[in-house]
N, C-alpha and C. Protein backbone atom coordinates (compact mmCIF):
# COMPACT_ATOMS: atom_id res chain seq x y z
N MET A 1 0.85 -1.18 0.00
CA MET A 1 0.00 0.00 0.00
C MET A 1 0.88 1.23 0.00
N LEU A 2 0.46 2.23 -0.78
CA LEU A 2 1.29 3.40 -0.89
C LEU A 2 1.16 4.29 0.34
N THR A 3 2.23 4.99 0.66
CA THR A 3 2.25 5.91 1.78
C THR A 3 1.78 7.27 1.26
N LEU A 4 0.79 7.83 1.93
CA LEU A 4 0.20 9.08 1.47
C LEU A 4 0.83 10.29 2.16
N THR A 5 0.94 11.36 1.40
CA THR A 5 1.30 12.64 2.02
C THR A 5 0.04 13.16 2.73
N GLU A 6 0.20 14.17 3.53
CA GLU A 6 -0.96 14.74 4.22
C GLU A 6 -1.98 15.28 3.22
N ASP A 7 -1.50 15.93 2.16
CA ASP A 7 -2.40 16.46 1.14
C ASP A 7 -3.17 15.35 0.43
N GLN A 8 -2.49 14.25 0.13
CA GLN A 8 -3.15 13.12 -0.53
C GLN A 8 -4.20 12.50 0.39
N TYR A 9 -3.84 12.36 1.66
CA TYR A 9 -4.79 11.82 2.63
C TYR A 9 -6.04 12.72 2.71
N LEU A 10 -5.83 14.03 2.80
CA LEU A 10 -6.95 14.97 2.88
C LEU A 10 -7.81 14.91 1.63
N PHE A 11 -7.16 14.79 0.47
CA PHE A 11 -7.90 14.66 -0.78
C PHE A 11 -8.80 13.42 -0.74
N LEU A 12 -8.25 12.28 -0.34
CA LEU A 12 -9.03 11.04 -0.29
C LEU A 12 -10.16 11.15 0.73
N LYS A 13 -9.88 11.76 1.86
CA LYS A 13 -10.89 11.91 2.91
C LYS A 13 -12.02 12.84 2.43
N GLU A 14 -11.66 13.94 1.80
CA GLU A 14 -12.69 14.86 1.29
C GLU A 14 -13.52 14.21 0.18
N TYR A 15 -12.87 13.42 -0.66
CA TYR A 15 -13.56 12.69 -1.71
C TYR A 15 -14.55 11.71 -1.08
N SER A 16 -14.11 10.97 -0.10
CA SER A 16 -14.98 10.02 0.59
C SER A 16 -16.15 10.74 1.25
N ASP A 17 -15.87 11.86 1.90
CA ASP A 17 -16.93 12.63 2.54
C ASP A 17 -17.95 13.13 1.52
N LEU A 18 -17.49 13.57 0.36
CA LEU A 18 -18.38 14.02 -0.70
C LEU A 18 -19.32 12.89 -1.13
N LEU A 19 -18.78 11.69 -1.28
CA LEU A 19 -19.61 10.55 -1.68
C LEU A 19 -20.67 10.24 -0.63
N TYR A 20 -20.29 10.32 0.65
CA TYR A 20 -21.28 10.09 1.72
C TYR A 20 -22.36 11.17 1.70
N THR A 21 -21.97 12.41 1.42
CA THR A 21 -22.94 13.51 1.35
C THR A 21 -23.92 13.29 0.20
N ILE A 22 -23.41 12.86 -0.94
CA ILE A 22 -24.28 12.56 -2.08
C ILE A 22 -25.25 11.43 -1.71
N ASP A 23 -24.74 10.41 -1.04
CA ASP A 23 -25.58 9.28 -0.64
C ASP A 23 -26.70 9.75 0.30
N GLU A 24 -26.34 10.60 1.26
CA GLU A 24 -27.35 11.13 2.19
C GLU A 24 -28.39 11.97 1.45
N ALA A 25 -27.95 12.74 0.46
CA ALA A 25 -28.88 13.56 -0.32
C ALA A 25 -29.85 12.67 -1.10
N PHE A 26 -29.33 11.62 -1.72
CA PHE A 26 -30.21 10.68 -2.43
C PHE A 26 -31.23 10.07 -1.48
N ASP A 27 -30.79 9.67 -0.30
CA ASP A 27 -31.68 9.07 0.68
C ASP A 27 -32.81 10.05 1.03
N TYR A 28 -32.46 11.30 1.26
CA TYR A 28 -33.45 12.33 1.57
C TYR A 28 -34.43 12.49 0.41
N ILE A 29 -33.90 12.55 -0.81
CA ILE A 29 -34.75 12.75 -1.99
C ILE A 29 -35.76 11.61 -2.12
N VAL A 30 -35.29 10.39 -1.99
CA VAL A 30 -36.19 9.24 -2.11
C VAL A 30 -37.26 9.29 -1.02
N LYS A 31 -36.87 9.64 0.19
CA LYS A 31 -37.86 9.75 1.28
C LYS A 31 -38.84 10.88 1.02
N SER A 32 -38.39 11.94 0.34
CA SER A 32 -39.27 13.08 0.07
C SER A 32 -40.40 12.72 -0.89
N PHE A 33 -40.27 11.63 -1.63
CA PHE A 33 -41.33 11.22 -2.54
C PHE A 33 -42.59 10.81 -1.79
N SER A 34 -42.42 10.34 -0.56
CA SER A 34 -43.60 9.92 0.21
C SER A 34 -43.78 10.74 1.49
N ASP A 35 -42.76 11.46 1.92
CA ASP A 35 -42.86 12.30 3.12
C ASP A 35 -42.82 13.75 2.67
N PHE A 36 -44.00 14.34 2.58
CA PHE A 36 -44.11 15.68 2.00
C PHE A 36 -43.59 16.78 2.92
N SER A 37 -43.19 16.43 4.14
CA SER A 37 -42.55 17.44 5.00
C SER A 37 -41.10 17.66 4.57
N LYS A 38 -40.58 16.75 3.77
CA LYS A 38 -39.22 16.89 3.24
C LYS A 38 -39.33 17.70 1.94
N THR A 39 -39.03 18.99 2.04
CA THR A 39 -39.30 19.90 0.93
C THR A 39 -38.05 20.30 0.16
N GLU A 40 -36.91 19.76 0.51
CA GLU A 40 -35.65 20.18 -0.12
C GLU A 40 -35.16 19.23 -1.20
N GLY A 41 -36.01 18.27 -1.60
CA GLY A 41 -35.59 17.25 -2.56
C GLY A 41 -35.10 17.82 -3.89
N GLU A 42 -35.84 18.77 -4.44
CA GLU A 42 -35.45 19.34 -5.74
C GLU A 42 -34.10 20.04 -5.64
N ARG A 43 -33.92 20.81 -4.57
CA ARG A 43 -32.64 21.52 -4.39
C ARG A 43 -31.50 20.53 -4.24
N LEU A 44 -31.73 19.49 -3.47
CA LEU A 44 -30.68 18.49 -3.26
C LEU A 44 -30.35 17.75 -4.56
N LEU A 45 -31.35 17.49 -5.37
CA LEU A 45 -31.09 16.85 -6.66
C LEU A 45 -30.19 17.74 -7.51
N GLY A 46 -30.46 19.03 -7.50
CA GLY A 46 -29.59 19.98 -8.20
C GLY A 46 -28.18 19.96 -7.64
N ASP A 47 -28.07 19.88 -6.31
CA ASP A 47 -26.75 19.81 -5.67
C ASP A 47 -25.99 18.56 -6.10
N ILE A 48 -26.71 17.44 -6.19
CA ILE A 48 -26.07 16.19 -6.61
C ILE A 48 -25.52 16.35 -8.03
N PHE A 49 -26.33 16.93 -8.90
CA PHE A 49 -25.87 17.09 -10.28
C PHE A 49 -24.72 18.09 -10.39
N GLN A 50 -24.63 19.02 -9.45
CA GLN A 50 -23.46 19.91 -9.42
C GLN A 50 -22.24 19.19 -8.86
N ALA A 51 -22.46 18.21 -8.01
CA ALA A 51 -21.34 17.46 -7.41
C ALA A 51 -20.75 16.43 -8.36
N PHE A 52 -21.56 15.90 -9.27
CA PHE A 52 -21.06 14.86 -10.16
C PHE A 52 -19.81 15.28 -10.96
N PRO A 53 -19.77 16.49 -11.53
CA PRO A 53 -18.53 16.88 -12.23
C PRO A 53 -17.32 16.97 -11.29
N LYS A 54 -17.56 17.32 -10.04
CA LYS A 54 -16.46 17.36 -9.06
C LYS A 54 -15.93 15.94 -8.80
N VAL A 55 -16.85 14.98 -8.73
CA VAL A 55 -16.46 13.58 -8.56
C VAL A 55 -15.64 13.14 -9.77
N ALA A 56 -16.12 13.47 -10.96
CA ALA A 56 -15.41 13.08 -12.19
C ALA A 56 -14.03 13.70 -12.24
N SER A 57 -13.92 14.96 -11.86
CA SER A 57 -12.60 15.60 -11.90
C SER A 57 -11.69 15.01 -10.82
N ALA A 58 -12.24 14.63 -9.69
CA ALA A 58 -11.43 13.97 -8.65
C ALA A 58 -10.92 12.62 -9.14
N HIS A 59 -11.68 11.98 -10.02
CA HIS A 59 -11.26 10.67 -10.53
C HIS A 59 -9.96 10.74 -11.32
N GLU A 60 -9.74 11.85 -11.99
CA GLU A 60 -8.48 12.00 -12.72
C GLU A 60 -7.30 11.98 -11.74
N GLN A 61 -7.42 12.78 -10.69
CA GLN A 61 -6.35 12.83 -9.68
C GLN A 61 -6.25 11.50 -8.93
N LEU A 62 -7.39 10.92 -8.61
CA LEU A 62 -7.41 9.65 -7.89
C LEU A 62 -6.77 8.54 -8.72
N SER A 63 -7.07 8.51 -10.00
CA SER A 63 -6.50 7.48 -10.88
C SER A 63 -4.98 7.57 -10.91
N GLN A 64 -4.44 8.78 -10.92
CA GLN A 64 -2.99 8.95 -10.90
C GLN A 64 -2.41 8.47 -9.57
N LEU A 65 -3.10 8.79 -8.50
CA LEU A 65 -2.60 8.45 -7.17
C LEU A 65 -2.55 6.93 -6.95
N VAL A 66 -3.55 6.22 -7.45
CA VAL A 66 -3.65 4.77 -7.22
C VAL A 66 -3.40 3.97 -8.49
N ARG A 67 -2.56 4.49 -9.37
CA ARG A 67 -2.39 3.88 -10.70
C ARG A 67 -1.96 2.42 -10.67
N ASP A 68 -1.42 1.94 -9.55
CA ASP A 68 -1.02 0.53 -9.46
C ASP A 68 -2.07 -0.34 -8.76
N ASN A 69 -3.17 0.26 -8.35
CA ASN A 69 -4.21 -0.47 -7.63
C ASN A 69 -5.36 -0.77 -8.60
N GLN A 70 -5.31 -1.94 -9.23
CA GLN A 70 -6.30 -2.30 -10.24
C GLN A 70 -7.74 -2.35 -9.70
N PRO A 71 -7.98 -2.91 -8.52
CA PRO A 71 -9.36 -2.90 -8.01
C PRO A 71 -9.92 -1.48 -7.83
N MET A 72 -9.08 -0.56 -7.38
CA MET A 72 -9.53 0.83 -7.23
C MET A 72 -9.79 1.46 -8.60
N LEU A 73 -8.92 1.21 -9.55
CA LEU A 73 -9.12 1.75 -10.90
C LEU A 73 -10.41 1.23 -11.51
N LYS A 74 -10.70 -0.05 -11.28
CA LYS A 74 -11.96 -0.62 -11.77
C LYS A 74 -13.15 0.04 -11.09
N ALA A 75 -13.05 0.24 -9.79
CA ALA A 75 -14.14 0.88 -9.04
C ALA A 75 -14.38 2.30 -9.57
N ILE A 76 -13.31 3.01 -9.87
CA ILE A 76 -13.45 4.36 -10.42
C ILE A 76 -14.18 4.28 -11.77
N ALA A 77 -13.76 3.38 -12.63
CA ALA A 77 -14.35 3.26 -13.96
C ALA A 77 -15.82 2.84 -13.90
N ASP A 78 -16.17 2.10 -12.87
CA ASP A 78 -17.54 1.60 -12.76
C ASP A 78 -18.57 2.70 -12.51
N ILE A 79 -18.11 3.94 -12.31
CA ILE A 79 -19.08 5.03 -12.16
C ILE A 79 -19.89 5.21 -13.44
N SER A 80 -19.45 4.60 -14.52
CA SER A 80 -20.20 4.70 -15.78
C SER A 80 -21.62 4.18 -15.61
N THR A 81 -21.85 3.20 -14.73
CA THR A 81 -23.21 2.71 -14.52
C THR A 81 -24.08 3.80 -13.88
N VAL A 82 -23.48 4.59 -13.00
CA VAL A 82 -24.21 5.71 -12.39
C VAL A 82 -24.48 6.78 -13.45
N ALA A 83 -23.48 7.06 -14.27
CA ALA A 83 -23.64 8.07 -15.32
C ALA A 83 -24.74 7.67 -16.30
N ASP A 84 -24.84 6.39 -16.61
CA ASP A 84 -25.89 5.91 -17.52
C ASP A 84 -27.28 6.19 -16.94
N GLN A 85 -27.44 5.95 -15.64
CA GLN A 85 -28.73 6.18 -14.99
C GLN A 85 -29.01 7.68 -14.86
N ALA A 86 -27.99 8.48 -14.63
CA ALA A 86 -28.16 9.93 -14.58
C ALA A 86 -28.61 10.46 -15.94
N GLU A 87 -28.06 9.91 -16.99
CA GLU A 87 -28.46 10.31 -18.35
C GLU A 87 -29.92 9.94 -18.60
N LEU A 88 -30.31 8.75 -18.15
CA LEU A 88 -31.71 8.33 -18.28
C LEU A 88 -32.63 9.30 -17.53
N LEU A 89 -32.21 9.72 -16.36
CA LEU A 89 -33.00 10.68 -15.58
C LEU A 89 -33.13 12.00 -16.33
N ILE A 90 -32.05 12.49 -16.88
CA ILE A 90 -32.08 13.76 -17.62
C ILE A 90 -33.05 13.65 -18.80
N GLN A 91 -33.03 12.54 -19.48
CA GLN A 91 -33.92 12.34 -20.65
C GLN A 91 -35.39 12.33 -20.25
N ASN A 92 -35.68 11.95 -19.01
CA ASN A 92 -37.08 11.82 -18.56
C ASN A 92 -37.42 12.82 -17.45
N PHE A 93 -36.67 13.89 -17.35
CA PHE A 93 -36.77 14.78 -16.20
C PHE A 93 -38.13 15.45 -16.07
N ASP A 94 -38.80 15.72 -17.17
CA ASP A 94 -40.06 16.46 -17.11
C ASP A 94 -41.26 15.60 -16.72
N ASP A 95 -41.07 14.30 -16.68
CA ASP A 95 -42.15 13.39 -16.30
C ASP A 95 -41.94 12.99 -14.84
N LEU A 96 -42.65 13.67 -13.93
CA LEU A 96 -42.40 13.49 -12.49
C LEU A 96 -42.48 12.04 -12.02
N PRO A 97 -43.54 11.29 -12.34
CA PRO A 97 -43.58 9.90 -11.86
C PRO A 97 -42.41 9.06 -12.39
N VAL A 98 -42.04 9.26 -13.66
CA VAL A 98 -40.91 8.52 -14.23
C VAL A 98 -39.61 8.97 -13.56
N ARG A 99 -39.47 10.27 -13.34
CA ARG A 99 -38.27 10.80 -12.67
C ARG A 99 -38.11 10.16 -11.29
N GLN A 100 -39.21 10.12 -10.53
CA GLN A 100 -39.14 9.53 -9.19
C GLN A 100 -38.77 8.05 -9.25
N GLU A 101 -39.33 7.35 -10.22
CA GLU A 101 -39.02 5.93 -10.34
C GLU A 101 -37.56 5.71 -10.73
N ILE A 102 -37.06 6.51 -11.64
CA ILE A 102 -35.65 6.37 -12.05
C ILE A 102 -34.73 6.65 -10.87
N ILE A 103 -35.03 7.71 -10.12
CA ILE A 103 -34.18 8.04 -8.97
C ILE A 103 -34.23 6.91 -7.94
N SER A 104 -35.43 6.49 -7.56
CA SER A 104 -35.54 5.52 -6.46
C SER A 104 -35.18 4.09 -6.84
N LYS A 105 -35.41 3.72 -8.10
CA LYS A 105 -35.20 2.31 -8.48
C LYS A 105 -33.97 2.07 -9.35
N LYS A 106 -33.38 3.14 -9.88
CA LYS A 106 -32.23 2.95 -10.77
C LYS A 106 -31.02 3.78 -10.37
N LEU A 107 -31.19 5.11 -10.33
CA LEU A 107 -30.03 5.98 -10.09
C LEU A 107 -29.48 5.83 -8.68
N TYR A 108 -30.35 5.95 -7.67
CA TYR A 108 -29.87 5.83 -6.29
C TYR A 108 -29.30 4.44 -6.01
N PRO A 109 -29.97 3.35 -6.43
CA PRO A 109 -29.35 2.03 -6.21
C PRO A 109 -28.01 1.87 -6.94
N ALA A 110 -27.91 2.41 -8.16
CA ALA A 110 -26.63 2.31 -8.89
C ALA A 110 -25.54 3.09 -8.15
N PHE A 111 -25.90 4.29 -7.66
CA PHE A 111 -24.92 5.09 -6.91
C PHE A 111 -24.52 4.36 -5.63
N THR A 112 -25.49 3.81 -4.91
CA THR A 112 -25.20 3.13 -3.64
C THR A 112 -24.26 1.95 -3.86
N GLN A 113 -24.53 1.15 -4.87
CA GLN A 113 -23.66 0.00 -5.15
C GLN A 113 -22.26 0.47 -5.52
N TRP A 114 -22.18 1.47 -6.39
CA TRP A 114 -20.87 1.99 -6.78
C TRP A 114 -20.15 2.59 -5.57
N HIS A 115 -20.87 3.37 -4.77
CA HIS A 115 -20.27 3.99 -3.59
C HIS A 115 -19.73 2.93 -2.64
N ASN A 116 -20.50 1.89 -2.39
CA ASN A 116 -20.03 0.81 -1.51
C ASN A 116 -18.74 0.18 -2.04
N ASN A 117 -18.70 -0.05 -3.35
CA ASN A 117 -17.51 -0.67 -3.95
C ASN A 117 -16.29 0.23 -3.84
N ILE A 118 -16.44 1.50 -4.18
CA ILE A 118 -15.27 2.38 -4.15
C ILE A 118 -14.88 2.68 -2.71
N GLN A 119 -15.85 2.74 -1.82
CA GLN A 119 -15.53 3.00 -0.41
C GLN A 119 -14.71 1.85 0.18
N GLN A 120 -15.03 0.65 -0.24
CA GLN A 120 -14.27 -0.53 0.21
C GLN A 120 -12.80 -0.40 -0.20
N GLU A 121 -12.56 0.16 -1.37
CA GLU A 121 -11.18 0.37 -1.84
C GLU A 121 -10.53 1.58 -1.15
N LEU A 122 -11.33 2.59 -0.83
CA LEU A 122 -10.80 3.80 -0.20
C LEU A 122 -10.45 3.60 1.27
N ASN A 123 -11.25 2.81 1.96
CA ASN A 123 -11.11 2.70 3.42
C ASN A 123 -9.70 2.38 3.90
N PRO A 124 -8.98 1.46 3.27
CA PRO A 124 -7.61 1.20 3.76
C PRO A 124 -6.72 2.44 3.74
N TYR A 125 -7.00 3.37 2.84
CA TYR A 125 -6.18 4.58 2.73
C TYR A 125 -6.55 5.64 3.77
N ILE A 126 -7.83 5.67 4.15
CA ILE A 126 -8.28 6.78 4.99
C ILE A 126 -8.59 6.39 6.43
N GLN A 127 -8.62 5.12 6.73
CA GLN A 127 -8.87 4.72 8.12
C GLN A 127 -7.53 4.54 8.83
N SER A 128 -7.45 5.20 9.98
CA SER A 128 -6.18 5.09 10.70
C SER A 128 -6.31 4.30 11.96
């Protein structure tokens, strides 16, 4: 396992924290479909879509940092499944019932699975 500088450690930790924040936002959004007291779902969905390019740009730096770690590189590349579902959501965004179904049954589950996989690879680097 590679030895990280403080900056590299902070980068990985902030990346991990961002993924957890996105996961929490998705959870809130899905709950807002049936709990109408949760009124921030639309804003959070916008926040998630603003965060996705940050995740993608972090992947460039992350790929360089872990270039010898094939499981991590595969986990990074597997975000394409999330991107595919995000694209499906964008194509159907104006149809509220379809949008809710895509988020709850496709996009959020794809993100959760991907997040679990990449987090498993990240944890050895960020847990002390």
